PDB file of N, CA and C in Angstrom:
ATOM      1  N   MET A   1      60.693  21.070  67.460  1.00  0.00           N
ATOM      2  CA  MET A   1      61.874  21.213  68.250  1.00  0.00           C
ATOM      3  C   MET A   1      62.809  22.253  67.626  1.00  0.00           C
ATOM      4  N   GLU A   2      62.885  22.234  66.368  1.00  0.00           N
ATOM      5  CA  GLU A   2      63.729  23.184  65.672  1.00  0.00           C
ATOM      6  C   GLU A   2      63.288  24.609  65.959  1.00  0.00           C
ATOM      7  N   LYS A   3      62.008  24.792  66.030  1.00  0.00           N
ATOM      8  CA  LYS A   3      61.472  26.119  66.325  1.00  0.00           C
ATOM      9  C   LYS A   3      61.897  26.571  67.711  1.00  0.00           C
ATOM     10  N   ILE A   4      61.879  25.676  68.654  1.00  0.00           N
ATOM     11  CA  ILE A   4      62.275  26.010  70.021  1.00  0.00           C
ATOM     12  C   ILE A   4      63.761  26.342  70.050  1.00  0.00           C
ATOM     13  N   THR A   5      64.539  25.580  69.291  1.00  0.00           N
ATOM     14  CA  THR A   5      65.969  25.837  69.237  1.00  0.00           C
ATOM     15  C   THR A   5      66.231  27.218  68.650  1.00  0.00           C
ATOM     16  N   ARG A   6      65.534  27.551  67.557  1.00  0.00           N
ATOM     17  CA  ARG A   6      65.695  28.877  66.950  1.00  0.00           C
ATOM     18  C   ARG A   6      65.266  29.976  67.920  1.00  0.00           C
ATOM     19  N   GLU A   7      64.205  29.723  68.615  1.00  0.00           N
ATOM     20  CA  GLU A   7      63.722  30.695  69.602  1.00  0.00           C
ATOM     21  C   GLU A   7      64.737  30.880  70.719  1.00  0.00           C
ATOM     22  N   LEU A   8      65.312  29.789  71.173  1.00  0.00           N
ATOM     23  CA  LEU A   8      66.333  29.873  72.222  1.00  0.00           C
ATOM     24  C   LEU A   8      67.570  30.624  71.727  1.00  0.00           C
ATOM     25  N   GLU A   9      67.982  30.340  70.466  1.00  0.00           N
ATOM     26  CA  GLU A   9      69.123  31.052  69.891  1.00  0.00           C
ATOM     27  C   GLU A   9      68.817  32.540  69.752  1.00  0.00           C
ATOM     28  N   ALA A  10      67.615  32.863  69.310  1.00  0.00           N
ATOM     29  CA  ALA A  10      67.201  34.276  69.167  1.00  0.00           C
ATOM     30  C   ALA A  10      67.165  34.947  70.528  1.00  0.00           C
ATOM     31  N   ALA A  11      66.691  34.233  71.525  1.00  0.00           N
ATOM     32  CA  ALA A  11      66.646  34.778  72.882  1.00  0.00           C
ATOM     33  C   ALA A  11      68.062  35.011  73.396  1.00  0.00           C
ATOM     34  N   GLU A  12      68.963  34.054  73.130  1.00  0.00           N
ATOM     35  CA  GLU A  12      70.358  34.207  73.556  1.00  0.00           C
ATOM     36  C   GLU A  12      71.016  35.375  72.844  1.00  0.00           C
ATOM     37  N   LEU A  13      70.751  35.541  71.536  1.00  0.00           N
ATOM     38  CA  LEU A  13      71.295  36.657  70.777  1.00  0.00           C
ATOM     39  C   LEU A  13      70.752  37.984  71.318  1.00  0.00           C
ATOM     40  N   SER A  14      69.486  38.025  71.623  1.00  0.00           N
ATOM     41  CA  SER A  14      68.877  39.225  72.204  1.00  0.00           C
ATOM     42  C   SER A  14      69.504  39.529  73.559  1.00  0.00           C
ATOM     43  N   LYS A  15      69.734  38.474  74.325  1.00  0.00           N
ATOM     44  CA  LYS A  15      70.346  38.639  75.642  1.00  0.00           C
ATOM     45  C   LYS A  15      71.760  39.214  75.500  1.00  0.00           C
ATOM     46  N   GLN A  16      72.540  38.707  74.541  1.00  0.00           N
ATOM     47  CA  GLN A  16      73.894  39.207  74.311  1.00  0.00           C
ATOM     48  C   GLN A  16      73.871  40.675  73.848  1.00  0.00           C
ATOM     49  N   ASN A  17      72.952  40.976  72.949  1.00  0.00           N
ATOM     50  CA  ASN A  17      72.824  42.361  72.471  1.00  0.00           C
ATOM     51  C   ASN A  17      72.429  43.291  73.615  1.00  0.00           C
ATOM     52  N   LEU A  18      71.523  42.832  74.423  1.00  0.00           N
ATOM     53  CA  LEU A  18      71.104  43.622  75.574  1.00  0.00           C
ATOM     54  C   LEU A  18      72.265  43.815  76.544  1.00  0.00           C
ATOM     55  N   ARG A  19      73.083  42.776  76.750  1.00  0.00           N
ATOM     56  CA  ARG A  19      74.248  42.867  77.631  1.00  0.00           C
ATOM     57  C   ARG A  19      75.245  43.884  77.073  1.00  0.00           C
ATOM     58  N   LYS A  20      75.504  43.851  75.737  1.00  0.00           N
ATOM     59  CA  LYS A  20      76.420  44.803  75.115  1.00  0.00           C
ATOM     60  C   LYS A  20      75.897  46.235  75.285  1.00  0.00           C
ATOM     61  N   THR A  21      74.609  46.402  75.063  1.00  0.00           N
ATOM     62  CA  THR A  21      74.008  47.726  75.210  1.00  0.00           C
ATOM     63  C   THR A  21      74.116  48.206  76.649  1.00  0.00           C
ATOM     64  N   LEU A  22      73.858  47.301  77.591  1.00  0.00           N
ATOM     65  CA  LEU A  22      73.972  47.646  79.006  1.00  0.00           C
ATOM     66  C   LEU A  22      75.413  48.000  79.361  1.00  0.00           C
ATOM     67  N   ASP A  23      76.370  47.262  78.828  1.00  0.00           N
ATOM     68  CA  ASP A  23      77.787  47.574  79.060  1.00  0.00           C
ATOM     69  C   ASP A  23      78.143  48.954  78.497  1.00  0.00           C
ATOM     70  N   GLN A  24      77.628  49.249  77.304  1.00  0.00           N
ATOM     71  CA  GLN A  24      77.886  50.564  76.700  1.00  0.00           C
ATOM     72  C   GLN A  24      77.277  51.681  77.551  1.00  0.00           C
ATOM     73  N   ILE A  25      76.072  51.430  78.034  1.00  0.00           N
ATOM     74  CA  ILE A  25      75.426  52.422  78.898  1.00  0.00           C
ATOM     75  C   ILE A  25      76.235  52.607  80.176  1.00  0.00           C
ATOM     76  N   HIS A  26      76.719  51.528  80.735  1.00  0.00           N
ATOM     77  CA  HIS A  26      77.540  51.599  81.952  1.00  0.00           C
ATOM     78  C   HIS A  26      78.824  52.388  81.685  1.00  0.00           C
ATOM     79  N   ASP A  27      79.489  52.118  80.548  1.00  0.00           N
ATOM     80  CA  ASP A  27      80.702  52.867  80.190  1.00  0.00           C
ATOM     81  C   ASP A  27      80.404  54.359  80.039  1.00  0.00           C
ATOM     82  N   CYS A  28      79.290  54.649  79.378  1.00  0.00           N
ATOM     83  CA  CYS A  28      78.906  56.067  79.193  1.00  0.00           C
ATOM     84  C   CYS A  28      78.596  56.731  80.529  1.00  0.00           C
ATOM     85  N   SER A  29      77.926  56.013  81.410  1.00  0.00           N
ATOM     86  CA  SER A  29      77.586  56.598  82.704  1.00  0.00           C
ATOM     87  C   SER A  29      78.850  56.865  83.518  1.00  0.00           C
ATOM     88  N   SER A  30      79.843  55.976  83.397  1.00  0.00           N
ATOM     89  CA  SER A  30      81.118  56.206  84.075  1.00  0.00           C
ATOM     90  C   SER A  30      81.792  57.461  83.512  1.00  0.00           C
ATOM     91  N   SER A  31      81.724  57.613  82.198  1.00  0.00           N
ATOM     92  CA  SER A  31      82.316  58.792  81.567  1.00  0.00           C
ATOM     93  C   SER A  31      81.599  60.065  82.001  1.00  0.00           C
ATOM     94  N   VAL A  32      80.278  59.981  82.093  1.00  0.00           N
ATOM     95  CA  VAL A  32      79.502  61.144  82.527  1.00  0.00           C
ATOM     96  C   VAL A  32      79.845  61.480  83.978  1.00  0.00           C
ATOM     97  N   LEU A  33      79.980  60.486  84.815  1.00  0.00           N
ATOM     98  CA  LEU A  33      80.346  60.710  86.210  1.00  0.00           C
ATOM     99  C   LEU A  33      81.738  61.338  86.299  1.00  0.00           C
ATOM    100  N   LEU A  34      82.682  60.805  85.534  1.00  0.00           N
ATOM    101  CA  LEU A  34      84.034  61.359  85.521  1.00  0.00           C
ATOM    102  C   LEU A  34      84.017  62.800  85.010  1.00  0.00           C
ATOM    103  N   LEU A  35      83.266  63.050  83.954  1.00  0.00           N
ATOM    104  CA  LEU A  35      83.142  64.408  83.419  1.00  0.00           C
ATOM    105  C   LEU A  35      82.554  65.339  84.468  1.00  0.00           C
ATOM    106  N   SER A  36      81.573  64.866  85.184  1.00  0.00           N
ATOM    107  CA  SER A  36      80.942  65.667  86.233  1.00  0.00           C
ATOM    108  C   SER A  36      81.951  66.033  87.325  1.00  0.00           C
ATOM    109  N   LEU A  37      82.761  65.069  87.741  1.00  0.00           N
ATOM    110  CA  LEU A  37      83.780  65.333  88.765  1.00  0.00           C
ATOM    111  C   LEU A  37      84.839  66.311  88.248  1.00  0.00           C
ATOM    112  N   GLN A  38      85.267  66.115  87.006  1.00  0.00           N
ATOM    113  CA  GLN A  38      86.260  67.018  86.425  1.00  0.00           C
ATOM    114  C   GLN A  38      85.698  68.429  86.288  1.00  0.00           C
ATOM    115  N   TRP A  39      84.431  68.515  85.898  1.00  0.00           N
ATOM    116  CA  TRP A  39      83.784  69.825  85.763  1.00  0.00           C
ATOM    117  C   TRP A  39      83.731  70.537  87.117  1.00  0.00           C
ATOM    118  N   LYS A  40      83.416  69.801  88.160  1.00  0.00           N
ATOM    119  CA  LYS A  40      83.362  70.369  89.509  1.00  0.00           C
ATOM    120  C   LYS A  40      84.739  70.881  89.919  1.00  0.00           C
ATOM    121  N   ASP A  41      85.779  70.101  89.640  1.00  0.00           N
ATOM    122  CA  ASP A  41      87.145  70.545  89.935  1.00  0.00           C
ATOM    123  C   ASP A  41      87.487  71.818  89.164  1.00  0.00           C
ATOM    124  N   LEU A  42      87.107  71.861  87.917  1.00  0.00           N
ATOM    125  CA  LEU A  42      87.369  73.037  87.089  1.00  0.00           C
ATOM    126  C   LEU A  42      86.631  74.261  87.633  1.00  0.00           C
ATOM    127  N   GLU A  43      85.386  74.087  88.028  1.00  0.00           N
ATOM    128  CA  GLU A  43      84.620  75.196  88.622  1.00  0.00           C
ATOM    129  C   GLU A  43      85.299  75.694  89.901  1.00  0.00           C
ATOM    130  N   ASN A  44      85.747  74.771  90.734  1.00  0.00           N
ATOM    131  CA  ASN A  44      86.449  75.151  91.968  1.00  0.00           C
ATOM    132  C   ASN A  44      87.721  75.923  91.659  1.00  0.00           C
ATOM    133  N   HIS A  45      88.461  75.447  90.661  1.00  0.00           N
ATOM    134  CA  HIS A  45      89.691  76.145  90.265  1.00  0.00           C
ATOM    135  C   HIS A  45      89.381  77.566  89.793  1.00  0.00           C
ATOM    136  N   PHE A  46      88.368  77.716  88.946  1.00  0.00           N
ATOM    137  CA  PHE A  46      88.001  79.044  88.447  1.00  0.00           C
ATOM    138  C   PHE A  46      87.516  79.947  89.578  1.00  0.00           C
ATOM    139  N   GLU A  47      86.790  79.399  90.519  1.00  0.00           N
ATOM    140  CA  GLU A  47      86.305  80.204  91.650  1.00  0.00           C
ATOM    141  C   GLU A  47      87.468  80.669  92.512  1.00  0.00           C
ATOM    142  N   THR A  48      88.414  79.777  92.762  1.00  0.00           N
ATOM    143  CA  THR A  48      89.600  80.145  93.537  1.00  0.00           C
ATOM    144  C   THR A  48      90.394  81.227  92.804  1.00  0.00           C
ATOM    145  N   THR A  49      90.562  81.059  91.514  1.00  0.00           N
ATOM    146  CA  THR A  49      91.280  82.048  90.701  1.00  0.00           C
ATOM    147  C   THR A  49      90.543  83.376  90.718  1.00  0.00           C
ATOM    148  N   ARG A  50      89.221  83.352  90.607  1.00  0.00           N
ATOM    149  CA  ARG A  50      88.420  84.581  90.612  1.00  0.00           C
ATOM    150  C   ARG A  50      88.600  85.318  91.935  1.00  0.00           C
ATOM    151  N   ARG A  51      88.516  84.582  93.050  1.00  0.00           N
ATOM    152  CA  ARG A  51      88.699  85.219  94.362  1.00  0.00           C
ATOM    153  C   ARG A  51      90.099  85.805  94.508  1.00  0.00           C
ATOM    154  N   PHE A  52      91.111  85.076  94.039  1.00  0.00           N
ATOM    155  CA  PHE A  52      92.493  85.561  94.086  1.00  0.00           C
ATOM    156  C   PHE A  52      92.629  86.856  93.290  1.00  0.00           C
ATOM    157  N   LEU A  53      92.061  86.878  92.091  1.00  0.00           N
ATOM    158  CA  LEU A  53      92.155  88.076  91.252  1.00  0.00           C
ATOM    159  C   LEU A  53      91.394  89.249  91.863  1.00  0.00           C
ATOM    160  N   LEU A  54      90.258  88.978  92.485  1.00  0.00           N
ATOM    161  CA  LEU A  54      89.513  90.043  93.163  1.00  0.00           C
ATOM    162  C   LEU A  54      90.328  90.630  94.313  1.00  0.00           C
ATOM    163  N   GLU A  55      90.980  89.777  95.083  1.00  0.00           N
ATOM    164  CA  GLU A  55      91.819  90.258  96.186  1.00  0.00           C
ATOM    165  C   GLU A  55      92.961  91.120  95.656  1.00  0.00           C
ATOM    166  N   ARG A  56      93.598  90.659  94.580  1.00  0.00           N
ATOM    167  CA  ARG A  56      94.715  91.425  94.003  1.00  0.00           C
ATOM    168  C   ARG A  56      94.211  92.751  93.447  1.00  0.00           C
ATOM    169  N   ALA A  57      93.035  92.752  92.839  1.00  0.00           N
ATOM    170  CA  ALA A  57      92.464  93.993  92.307  1.00  0.00           C
ATOM    171  C   ALA A  57      92.180  94.980  93.439  1.00  0.00           C
ATOM    172  N   GLN A  58      91.677  94.472  94.567  1.00  0.00           N
ATOM    173  CA  GLN A  58      91.418  95.336  95.717  1.00  0.00           C
ATOM    174  C   GLN A  58      92.720  95.885  96.287  1.00  0.00           C
ATOM    175  N   GLU A  59      93.754  95.040  96.338  1.00  0.00           N
ATOM    176  CA  GLU A  59      95.060  95.508  96.819  1.00  0.00           C
ATOM    177  C   GLU A  59      95.610  96.592  95.895  1.00  0.00           C
ATOM    178  N   LEU A  60      95.477  96.370  94.596  1.00  0.00           N
ATOM    179  CA  LEU A  60      95.960  97.346  93.626  1.00  0.00           C
ATOM    180  C   LEU A  60      95.193  98.656  93.757  1.00  0.00           C
ATOM    181  N   GLU A  61      93.889  98.564  93.909  1.00  0.00           N
ATOM    182  CA  GLU A  61      93.063  99.759  94.079  1.00  0.00           C
ATOM    183  C   GLU A  61      93.480 100.523  95.335  1.00  0.00           C
ATOM    184  N   SER A  62      93.721  99.780  96.411  1.00  0.00           N
ATOM    185  CA  SER A  62      94.151 100.402  97.656  1.00  0.00           C
ATOM    186  C   SER A  62      95.499 101.095  97.473  1.00  0.00           C
ATOM    187  N   LYS A  63      96.429 100.437  96.789  1.00  0.00           N
ATOM    188  CA  LYS A  63      97.743 101.029  96.556  1.00  0.00           C
ATOM    189  C   LYS A  63      97.639 102.256  95.652  1.00  0.00           C
ATOM    190  N   GLU A  64      96.724 102.221  94.689  1.00  0.00           N
ATOM    191  CA  GLU A  64      96.522 103.388  93.830  1.00  0.00           C
ATOM    192  C   GLU A  64      95.987 104.558  94.649  1.00  0.00           C
ATOM    193  N   GLU A  65      95.081 104.268  95.574  1.00  0.00           N
ATOM    194  CA  GLU A  65      94.562 105.329  96.442  1.00  0.00           C
ATOM    195  C   GLU A  65      95.668 105.899  97.315  1.00  0.00           C
ATOM    196  N   GLU A  66      96.496 105.001  97.882  1.00  0.00           N
ATOM    197  CA  GLU A  66      97.621 105.452  98.708  1.00  0.00           C
ATOM    198  C   GLU A  66      98.581 106.293  97.878  1.00  0.00           C
ATOM    199  N   SER A  67      98.807 105.858  96.648  1.00  0.00           N
ATOM    200  CA  SER A  67      99.706 106.576  95.759  1.00  0.00           C
ATOM    201  C   SER A  67      99.137 107.957  95.444  1.00  0.00           C
ATOM    202  N   GLY A  68      97.824 108.021  95.222  1.00  0.00           N
ATOM    203  CA  GLY A  68      97.181 109.308  94.961  1.00  0.00           C
ATOM    204  C   GLY A  68      97.310 110.229  96.160  1.00  0.00           C
ATOM    205  N   ALA A  69      97.123 109.680  97.350  1.00  0.00           N
ATOM    206  CA  ALA A  69      97.259 110.478  98.572  1.00  0.00           C
ATOM    207  C   ALA A  69      98.699 110.948  98.723  1.00  0.00           C
ATOM    208  N   PHE A  70      99.652 110.069  98.412  1.00  0.00           N
ATOM    209  CA  PHE A  70     101.063 110.438  98.506  1.00  0.00           C
ATOM    210  C   PHE A  70     101.382 111.554  97.509  1.00  0.00           C
ATOM    211  N   ARG A  71     100.869 111.432  96.283  1.00  0.00           N
ATOM    212  CA  ARG A  71     101.115 112.476  95.280  1.00  0.00           C
ATOM    213  C   ARG A  71     100.527 113.801  95.727  1.00  0.00           C
ATOM    214  N   GLU A  72      99.367 113.751  96.357  1.00  0.00           N
ATOM    215  CA  GLU A  72      98.743 114.977  96.855  1.00  0.00           C
ATOM    216  C   GLU A  72      99.607 115.603  97.944  1.00  0.00           C
ATOM    217  N   LYS A  73     100.101 114.778  98.865  1.00  0.00           N
ATOM    218  CA  LYS A  73     100.982 115.294  99.922  1.00  0.00           C
ATOM    219  C   LYS A  73     102.275 115.842  99.325  1.00  0.00           C
ATOM    220  N   GLU A  74     102.801 115.139  98.337  1.00  0.00           N
ATOM    221  CA  GLU A  74     104.021 115.594  97.680  1.00  0.00           C
ATOM    222  C   GLU A  74     103.783 116.952  96.997  1.00  0.00           C
ATOM    223  N   LYS A  75     102.638 117.098  96.388  1.00  0.00           N
ATOM    224  CA  LYS A  75     102.295 118.364  95.733  1.00  0.00           C
ATOM    225  C   LYS A  75     102.210 119.488  96.759  1.00  0.00           C
ATOM    226  N   ARG A  76     101.517 119.217  97.869  1.00  0.00           N
ATOM    227  CA  ARG A  76     101.403 120.238  98.926  1.00  0.00           C
ATOM    228  C   ARG A  76     102.777 120.573  99.507  1.00  0.00           C
ATOM    229  N   PHE A  77     103.615 119.547  99.659  1.00  0.00           N
ATOM    230  CA  PHE A  77     104.964 119.778 100.168  1.00  0.00           C
ATOM    231  C   PHE A  77     105.737 120.680  99.204  1.00  0.00           C
ATOM    232  N   GLY A  78     105.624 120.404  97.920  1.00  0.00           N
ATOM    233  CA  GLY A  78     106.288 121.229  96.917  1.00  0.00           C
ATOM    234  C   GLY A  78     105.803 122.672  96.974  1.00  0.00           C
ATOM    235  N   GLU A  79     104.503 122.832  97.169  1.00  0.00           N
ATOM    236  CA  GLU A  79     103.954 124.194  97.289  1.00  0.00           C
ATOM    237  C   GLU A  79     104.514 124.896  98.521  1.00  0.00           C
ATOM    238  N   ARG A  80     104.614 124.159  99.627  1.00  0.00           N
ATOM    239  CA  ARG A  80     105.171 124.741 100.860  1.00  0.00           C
ATOM    240  C   ARG A  80     106.637 125.119 100.670  1.00  0.00           C
ATOM    241  N   VAL A  81     107.389 124.271  99.982  1.00  0.00           N
ATOM    242  CA  VAL A  81     108.792 124.575  99.715  1.00  0.00           C
ATOM    243  C   VAL A  81     108.898 125.864  98.918  1.00  0.00           C
ATOM    244  N   LYS A  82     108.036 126.002  97.913  1.00  0.00           N
ATOM    245  CA  LYS A  82     108.052 127.227  97.109  1.00  0.00           C
ATOM    246  C   LYS A  82     107.711 128.445  97.971  1.00  0.00           C
ATOM    247  N   GLU A  83     106.738 128.275  98.877  1.00  0.00           N
ATOM    248  CA  GLU A  83     106.392 129.384  99.783  1.00  0.00           C
ATOM    249  C   GLU A  83     107.594 129.773 100.634  1.00  0.00           C
ATOM    250  N   PHE A  84     108.273 128.763 101.199  1.00  0.00           N
ATOM    251  CA  PHE A  84     109.447 129.048 102.034  1.00  0.00           C
ATOM    252  C   PHE A  84     110.574 129.685 101.215  1.00  0.00           C
ATOM    253  N   GLU A  85     110.750 129.222  99.997  1.00  0.00           N
ATOM    254  CA  GLU A  85     111.779 129.811  99.141  1.00  0.00           C
ATOM    255  C   GLU A  85     111.450 131.271  98.851  1.00  0.00           C
ATOM    256  N   LEU A  86     110.185 131.552  98.589  1.00  0.00           N
ATOM    257  CA  LEU A  86     109.759 132.930  98.336  1.00  0.00           C
ATOM    258  C   LEU A  86     109.973 133.785  99.580  1.00  0.00           C
ATOM    259  N   LYS A  87     109.581 133.260 100.742  1.00  0.00           N
ATOM    260  CA  LYS A  87     109.783 133.989 101.992  1.00  0.00           C
ATOM    261  C   LYS A  87     111.266 134.204 102.257  1.00  0.00           C
ATOM    262  N   ASP A  88     112.082 133.192 101.968  1.00  0.00           N
ATOM    263  CA  ASP A  88     113.527 133.317 102.147  1.00  0.00           C
ATOM    264  C   ASP A  88     114.087 134.399 101.226  1.00  0.00           C
ATOM    265  N   MET A  89     113.590 134.433 100.015  1.00  0.00           N
ATOM    266  CA  MET A  89     114.029 135.448  99.074  1.00  0.00           C
ATOM    267  C   MET A  89     113.619 136.845  99.559  1.00  0.00           C
ATOM    268  N   ILE A  90     112.408 136.989 100.073  1.00  0.00           N
ATOM    269  CA  ILE A  90     111.930 138.277 100.591  1.00  0.00           C
ATOM    270  C   ILE A  90     112.778 138.703 101.782  1.00  0.00           C
ATOM    271  N   ILE A  91     113.054 137.759 102.661  1.00  0.00           N
ATOM    272  CA  ILE A  91     113.892 138.074 103.834  1.00  0.00           C
ATOM    273  C   ILE A  91     115.292 138.479 103.373  1.00  0.00           C
ATOM    274  N   GLY A  92     115.830 137.790 102.376  1.00  0.00           N
ATOM    275  CA  GLY A  92     117.140 138.129 101.842  1.00  0.00           C
ATOM    276  C   GLY A  92     117.163 139.541 101.278  1.00  0.00           C
ATOM    277  N   GLU A  93     116.098 139.890 100.547  1.00  0.00           N
ATOM    278  CA  GLU A  93     115.992 141.236  99.999  1.00  0.00           C
ATOM    279  C   GLU A  93     115.940 142.271 101.132  1.00  0.00           C
ATOM    280  N   ARG A  94     115.171 141.999 102.138  1.00  0.00           N
ATOM    281  CA  ARG A  94     115.046 142.931 103.269  1.00  0.00           C
ATOM    282  C   ARG A  94     116.376 143.090 104.006  1.00  0.00           C
ATOM    283  N   LEU A  95     117.121 141.972 104.148  1.00  0.00           N
ATOM    284  CA  LEU A  95     118.433 142.046 104.791  1.00  0.00           C
ATOM    285  C   LEU A  95     119.393 142.913 103.977  1.00  0.00           C
ATOM    286  N   LYS A  96     119.328 142.770 102.661  1.00  0.00           N
ATOM    287  CA  LYS A  96     120.182 143.599 101.808  1.00  0.00           C
ATOM    288  C   LYS A  96     119.839 145.071 101.990  1.00  0.00           C
ATOM    289  N   LYS A  97     118.526 145.363 102.018  1.00  0.00           N
ATOM    290  CA  LYS A  97     118.097 146.752 102.216  1.00  0.00           C
ATOM    291  C   LYS A  97     118.557 147.262 103.575  1.00  0.00           C
ATOM    292  N   TYR A  98     118.440 146.422 104.578  1.00  0.00           N
ATOM    293  CA  TYR A  98     118.852 146.800 105.926  1.00  0.00           C
ATOM    294  C   TYR A  98     120.353 147.073 105.962  1.00  0.00           C
ATOM    295  N   ASP A  99     121.140 146.189 105.316  1.00  0.00           N
ATOM    296  CA  ASP A  99     122.589 146.374 105.256  1.00  0.00           C
ATOM    297  C   ASP A  99     122.942 147.685 104.543  1.00  0.00           C
ATOM    298  N   LEU A 100     122.237 147.985 103.463  1.00  0.00           N
ATOM    299  CA  LEU A 100     122.498 149.237 102.741  1.00  0.00           C
ATOM    300  C   LEU A 100     122.178 150.442 103.632  1.00  0.00           C
ATOM    301  N   LYS A 101     121.066 150.356 104.365  1.00  0.00           N
ATOM    302  CA  LYS A 101     120.703 151.464 105.265  1.00  0.00           C
ATOM    303  C   LYS A 101     121.734 151.621 106.368  1.00  0.00           C
ATOM    304  N   GLU A 102     122.244 150.498 106.880  1.00  0.00           N
ATOM    305  CA  GLU A 102     123.256 150.566 107.920  1.00  0.00           C
ATOM    306  C   GLU A 102     124.513 151.240 107.383  1.00  0.00           C
ATOM    307  N   LYS A 103     124.875 150.855 106.164  1.00  0.00           N
ATOM    308  CA  LYS A 103     126.089 151.449 105.559  1.00  0.00           C
ATOM    309  C   LYS A 103     125.871 152.953 105.311  1.00  0.00           C
ATOM    310  N   ARG A 104     124.652 153.307 104.892  1.00  0.00           N
ATOM    311  CA  ARG A 104     124.373 154.700 104.612  1.00  0.00           C
ATOM    312  C   ARG A 104     124.409 155.547 105.883  1.00  0.00           C
ATOM    313  N   PHE A 105     123.897 154.996 106.955  1.00  0.00           N
ATOM    314  CA  PHE A 105     123.869 155.741 108.220  1.00  0.00           C
ATOM    315  C   PHE A 105     125.120 155.497 109.073  1.00  0.00           C
ATOM    316  N   GLY A 106     125.994 154.675 108.598  1.00  0.00           N
ATOM    317  CA  GLY A 106     127.251 154.427 109.258  1.00  0.00           C
ATOM    318  C   GLY A 106     127.110 153.697 110.584  1.00  0.00           C
ATOM    319  N   VAL A 107     126.227 152.820 110.670  1.00  0.00           N
ATOM    320  CA  VAL A 107     126.015 152.097 111.919  1.00  0.00           C
ATOM    321  C   VAL A 107     126.892 150.909 112.016  1.00  0.00           C
TER     322      VAL A 107
END
């Protein structure tokens, strides 16, 4: 009878140890599940951030292109202004010559 009692106690101890191990496994699985959900949220956040940064980079690139086009137009405008100033100066010189000729011929 004593042997049966010891066997029953050993079986109960094994059962308790198995229950503790199962509880630990359950706790770990919950942690793994929670980690998995948090990881998914983090991936979603990074993907959203990546898309946002790509959009901003494209906007910046577009604005840089517009700025380059504007600088080119500004440069051409400056060149045209210089051309007009030169033409104005030439016309001014010609008017002076014309005025001198008029004075010389008494017109």
